[in-house]
């Protein structure tokens, strides 16, 4: 209603139609996760070719072919309570005690979002969502072409059993009558020190109110909306990286 008055439109439906058009335009021009992922891999390939030389030691190999580090975690956003009873059950998150939409996000320590899974109801477990995303879209195959490490919390225990061509560093989880050892606690601290950067990325995502407050639009539009938000986050991250290092992504 406000935008109808602001732009002197004949009816508020005109504003709604234009928003649908603008979403597609933004998704086409912003560095959305898929485009950011391809750019990072292209830079890694160019850097590897630039450093090509005769390698005689392990240290020279590590220097010539640096590892790529990615962080993986789930993010939930509160939504309105569905009217349909079955939908209400699927969307209820036992962790948040609310109805939510959930996505599994893969990012870099620098804050670039390189992948977001299709959203699901908050009832689904993070590892289940990740596994289904791997089966449907085979995105992880792109990561397997490079020397990559994935950092995740204990909710992703069992990722190594999927047979994916990636290496993982998952935090250890204590169990009943099997508490964490001293060494496992030290390893967890080291891994969490790296993994916490994905939380900072989520905070950048939530600077946009549509990703932070109660989601009131259609579930069918959620993935496209968050794709645009991720593109805006990446755009700001690119600029921050350029200001600090002079590297243009």
Protein backbone atom coordinates (compact mmCIF):
# COMPACT_ATOMS: atom_id res chain seq x y z
CA UNK A 1 0.00 0.00 0.00
CA UNK A 2 2.84 2.39 0.87
CA UNK A 3 4.67 1.74 -2.43
CA UNK A 4 1.40 2.25 -4.32
CA UNK A 5 1.22 5.76 -2.86
CA UNK A 6 4.95 6.40 -3.26
CA UNK A 7 5.03 5.50 -6.97
CA UNK A 8 1.47 6.72 -7.68
CA UNK A 9 0.49 3.32 -9.10
CA UNK A 10 -3.08 2.69 -10.24
CA UNK A 11 -3.42 -0.35 -7.95
CA UNK A 12 -1.22 -2.27 -5.51
CA UNK A 13 -1.29 -5.30 -7.83
CA UNK A 14 0.98 -3.29 -10.15
CA UNK A 15 3.59 -3.17 -7.38
CA UNK A 16 3.31 -6.94 -6.77
CA UNK A 17 3.81 -7.74 -10.46
CA UNK A 18 6.86 -5.50 -10.64
CA UNK A 19 8.39 -7.11 -7.55
CA UNK A 20 8.11 -10.52 -9.24
CA UNK A 21 9.93 -9.16 -12.31
CA UNK A 22 12.65 -7.46 -10.24
CA UNK A 23 13.36 -10.69 -8.33
CA UNK A 24 14.32 -12.43 -11.56
CA UNK A 25 16.51 -9.51 -12.61
CA UNK A 26 18.33 -9.42 -9.27
CA UNK A 27 18.89 -13.16 -9.33
CA UNK A 28 20.39 -12.85 -12.82
CA UNK A 29 22.90 -10.10 -12.04
CA UNK A 30 23.92 -10.65 -8.39
CA UNK A 31 26.73 -13.05 -7.36
CA UNK A 32 24.30 -15.70 -6.11
CA UNK A 33 25.83 -18.83 -4.48
CA UNK A 34 26.09 -20.85 -7.70
CA UNK A 35 27.88 -18.02 -9.51
CA UNK A 36 30.14 -17.34 -6.51
CA UNK A 37 31.06 -21.04 -6.25
CA UNK A 38 32.09 -21.21 -9.90
CA UNK A 39 34.15 -18.04 -9.56
CA UNK A 40 36.03 -19.36 -6.51
CA UNK A 41 36.81 -22.62 -8.29
CA UNK A 42 37.98 -20.70 -11.36
CA UNK A 43 40.32 -18.59 -9.23
CA UNK A 44 41.67 -21.73 -7.52
CA UNK A 45 42.33 -23.34 -10.91
CA UNK A 46 44.09 -20.23 -12.23
CA UNK A 47 46.23 -20.07 -9.09
CA UNK A 48 47.17 -23.73 -9.44
CA UNK A 49 48.22 -23.23 -13.05
CA UNK A 50 50.22 -20.16 -12.13
CA UNK A 51 52.16 -22.10 -9.52
CA UNK A 52 52.88 -25.10 -11.73
CA UNK A 53 56.50 -26.18 -11.50
CA UNK A 54 58.54 -29.27 -10.87
CA UNK A 55 57.65 -30.52 -7.38
CA UNK A 56 60.14 -32.58 -5.41
CA UNK A 57 58.91 -32.31 -1.81
CA UNK A 58 55.61 -32.46 0.08
CA UNK A 59 56.06 -28.86 1.27
CA UNK A 60 56.35 -27.66 -2.31
CA UNK A 61 53.20 -29.59 -3.21
CA UNK A 62 51.21 -27.97 -0.40
CA UNK A 63 52.48 -24.54 -1.40
CA UNK A 64 51.64 -25.08 -5.07
CA UNK A 65 48.17 -26.52 -4.47
CA UNK A 66 46.57 -24.84 -1.46
CA UNK A 67 43.51 -26.38 0.15
CA UNK A 68 40.07 -24.82 -0.10
CA UNK A 69 38.18 -24.56 3.18
CA UNK A 70 34.39 -24.55 3.32
CA UNK A 71 32.06 -24.32 6.29
CA UNK A 72 28.68 -26.02 6.47
CA UNK A 73 25.79 -25.37 8.84
CA UNK A 74 22.01 -25.17 8.96
CA UNK A 75 20.02 -21.95 9.35
CA UNK A 76 16.37 -21.65 10.34
CA UNK A 77 13.92 -18.79 9.99
CA UNK A 78 10.58 -18.44 11.71
CA UNK A 79 7.49 -18.43 9.49
CA UNK A 80 3.77 -18.06 9.97
CA UNK A 81 1.88 -21.02 11.35
CA UNK A 82 0.47 -23.07 8.42
CA UNK A 83 -3.25 -23.73 8.24
CA UNK A 84 -2.82 -27.28 6.94
CA UNK A 85 -2.27 -29.71 9.82
CA UNK A 86 0.23 -31.93 7.96
CA UNK A 87 2.19 -28.87 6.84
CA UNK A 88 2.10 -27.55 10.38
CA UNK A 89 3.73 -30.76 11.62
CA UNK A 90 6.46 -30.75 8.96
CA UNK A 91 7.37 -27.11 9.60
CA UNK A 92 7.56 -27.30 13.39
CA UNK A 93 11.14 -27.14 14.68
CA UNK A 94 11.73 -28.92 17.98
CA UNK A 95 14.93 -26.92 18.41
CA UNK A 96 13.39 -23.47 17.91
CA UNK A 97 9.94 -24.43 19.27
CA UNK A 98 8.48 -22.56 16.30
CA UNK A 99 7.40 -23.16 12.72
CA UNK A 100 10.43 -22.52 10.51
CA UNK A 101 12.01 -22.89 7.08
CA UNK A 102 15.45 -24.51 7.05
CA UNK A 103 18.39 -24.40 4.63
CA UNK A 104 21.86 -25.93 4.71
CA UNK A 105 24.40 -23.25 3.81
CA UNK A 106 27.97 -23.78 2.60
CA UNK A 107 30.27 -20.77 2.87
CA UNK A 108 33.91 -19.76 3.00
CA UNK A 109 35.75 -18.39 6.05
CA UNK A 110 35.80 -15.01 4.29
CA UNK A 111 31.98 -14.91 4.29
CA UNK A 112 31.12 -15.88 0.71
CA UNK A 113 28.03 -18.09 0.39
CA UNK A 114 28.68 -20.75 -2.27
CA UNK A 115 25.63 -22.98 -1.84
CA UNK A 116 22.21 -23.02 -0.22
CA UNK A 117 20.08 -26.16 -0.22
CA UNK A 118 16.40 -26.05 -1.21
CA UNK A 119 14.43 -25.02 1.87
CA UNK A 120 12.45 -27.56 3.89
CA UNK A 121 10.29 -27.55 6.99
CA UNK A 122 12.04 -27.05 10.32
CA UNK A 123 11.27 -30.60 11.47
CA UNK A 124 13.92 -32.11 9.16
CA UNK A 125 17.37 -32.82 10.64
CA UNK A 126 20.33 -30.89 9.20
CA UNK A 127 22.17 -34.03 8.09
CA UNK A 128 19.04 -35.41 6.37
CA UNK A 129 18.58 -32.15 4.45
CA UNK A 130 22.24 -32.20 3.39
CA UNK A 131 22.05 -35.84 2.26
CA UNK A 132 18.88 -35.24 0.21
CA UNK A 133 20.46 -32.17 -1.39
CA UNK A 134 23.50 -34.23 -2.40
CA UNK A 135 21.27 -36.90 -3.95
CA UNK A 136 19.12 -34.44 -5.91
CA UNK A 137 21.56 -31.82 -7.12
CA UNK A 138 25.00 -33.46 -6.88
CA UNK A 139 26.54 -30.11 -5.97
CA UNK A 140 29.29 -31.77 -3.90
CA UNK A 141 30.74 -33.26 -7.10
CA UNK A 142 31.96 -29.76 -8.00
CA UNK A 143 33.85 -29.52 -4.71
CA UNK A 144 35.38 -32.97 -5.22
CA UNK A 145 37.41 -31.69 -8.17
CA UNK A 146 39.52 -29.63 -5.76
CA UNK A 147 41.43 -30.27 -2.52
CA UNK A 148 38.72 -29.22 -0.12
CA UNK A 149 38.06 -29.55 3.59
CA UNK A 150 34.54 -29.24 5.03
CA UNK A 151 34.08 -28.07 8.61
CA UNK A 152 30.78 -28.87 10.35
CA UNK A 153 29.30 -29.38 13.79
CA UNK A 154 28.35 -32.71 15.35
CA UNK A 155 24.97 -32.75 13.61
CA UNK A 156 26.81 -33.82 10.46
CA UNK A 157 28.24 -36.97 12.05
CA UNK A 158 28.05 -39.71 9.42
CA UNK A 159 28.92 -37.51 6.44
CA UNK A 160 32.02 -39.64 5.78
CA UNK A 161 29.82 -42.71 5.35
CA UNK A 162 28.09 -41.15 2.31
CA UNK A 163 31.10 -41.91 0.15
CA UNK A 164 31.54 -38.30 -1.01
CA UNK A 165 34.87 -37.36 -2.58
CA UNK A 166 35.57 -34.66 0.02
CA UNK A 167 37.45 -34.54 3.30
CA UNK A 168 35.71 -33.41 6.47
CA UNK A 169 36.56 -32.10 9.91
CA UNK A 170 33.44 -32.63 12.01
CA UNK A 171 33.36 -31.80 15.72
CA UNK A 172 33.28 -34.80 18.02
CA UNK A 173 30.17 -35.48 20.07
CA UNK A 174 30.12 -37.00 23.53
CA UNK A 175 27.65 -39.80 24.23
CA UNK A 176 26.17 -41.38 27.30
CA UNK A 177 28.89 -43.28 29.20
CA UNK A 178 31.36 -42.14 26.52
CA UNK A 179 32.38 -38.54 27.34
CA UNK A 180 34.80 -36.66 25.14
CA UNK A 181 38.48 -37.28 25.81
CA UNK A 182 40.90 -34.47 26.48
CA UNK A 183 42.34 -34.71 22.96
CA UNK A 184 38.87 -34.64 21.38
CA UNK A 185 38.01 -31.49 23.34
CA UNK A 186 41.18 -29.81 22.05
CA UNK A 187 40.35 -30.84 18.48
CA UNK A 188 36.82 -29.48 18.90
CA UNK A 189 38.15 -26.12 20.06
CA UNK A 190 40.43 -25.86 17.03
CA UNK A 191 37.68 -26.86 14.60
CA UNK A 192 35.10 -24.57 16.19
CA UNK A 193 37.55 -21.68 15.92
CA UNK A 194 37.35 -22.09 12.13
CA UNK A 195 33.71 -23.16 11.94
CA UNK A 196 32.36 -20.14 13.84
CA UNK A 197 32.92 -17.97 10.76
CA UNK A 198 29.75 -19.43 9.20
CA UNK A 199 27.81 -17.87 12.08
CA UNK A 200 29.21 -14.49 11.10
CA UNK A 201 28.00 -15.14 7.56
CA UNK A 202 24.51 -15.85 8.92
CA UNK A 203 24.61 -12.51 10.74
CA UNK A 204 25.34 -10.80 7.41
CA UNK A 205 22.39 -12.63 5.88
CA UNK A 206 20.15 -11.49 8.70
CA UNK A 207 20.99 -7.84 8.15
CA UNK A 208 18.20 -8.04 5.60
CA UNK A 209 14.90 -8.01 7.44
CA UNK A 210 13.25 -10.50 5.09
CA UNK A 211 15.84 -13.06 6.24
CA UNK A 212 15.72 -12.11 9.92
CA UNK A 213 12.09 -11.54 10.87
CA UNK A 214 9.08 -13.83 10.56
CA UNK A 215 8.82 -14.89 6.92
CA UNK A 216 5.36 -13.92 5.67
CA UNK A 217 5.55 -14.69 1.96
CA UNK A 218 4.81 -17.94 0.13
CA UNK A 219 7.05 -20.95 0.80
CA UNK A 220 7.40 -21.38 -2.96
CA UNK A 221 9.20 -18.01 -3.15
CA UNK A 222 11.54 -18.65 -0.21
CA UNK A 223 14.46 -20.19 -2.15
CA UNK A 224 14.54 -17.40 -4.73
CA UNK A 225 14.29 -14.75 -2.03
CA UNK A 226 17.18 -16.21 -0.03
CA UNK A 227 19.18 -16.63 -3.25
CA UNK A 228 18.90 -12.89 -3.82
CA UNK A 229 19.81 -12.18 -0.19
CA UNK A 230 22.89 -14.42 -0.57
CA UNK A 231 23.82 -12.52 -3.73
CA UNK A 232 23.67 -9.23 -1.83
CA UNK A 233 25.78 -10.70 0.98
CA UNK A 234 28.37 -11.92 -1.53
CA UNK A 235 28.44 -8.55 -3.28
CA UNK A 236 29.27 -6.80 0.00
CA UNK A 237 31.81 -9.49 0.87
CA UNK A 238 33.56 -9.09 -2.49
CA UNK A 239 33.91 -5.38 -1.80
CA UNK A 240 35.21 -5.99 1.74
CA UNK A 241 37.82 -8.46 0.44
CA UNK A 242 38.91 -5.96 -2.23
CA UNK A 243 39.27 -3.17 0.33
CA UNK A 244 41.42 -5.38 2.61
CA UNK A 245 43.56 -7.28 0.08
CA UNK A 246 43.15 -5.58 -3.29
CA UNK A 247 41.98 -8.92 -4.76
CA UNK A 248 39.03 -8.48 -7.10
CA UNK A 249 36.73 -11.52 -7.24
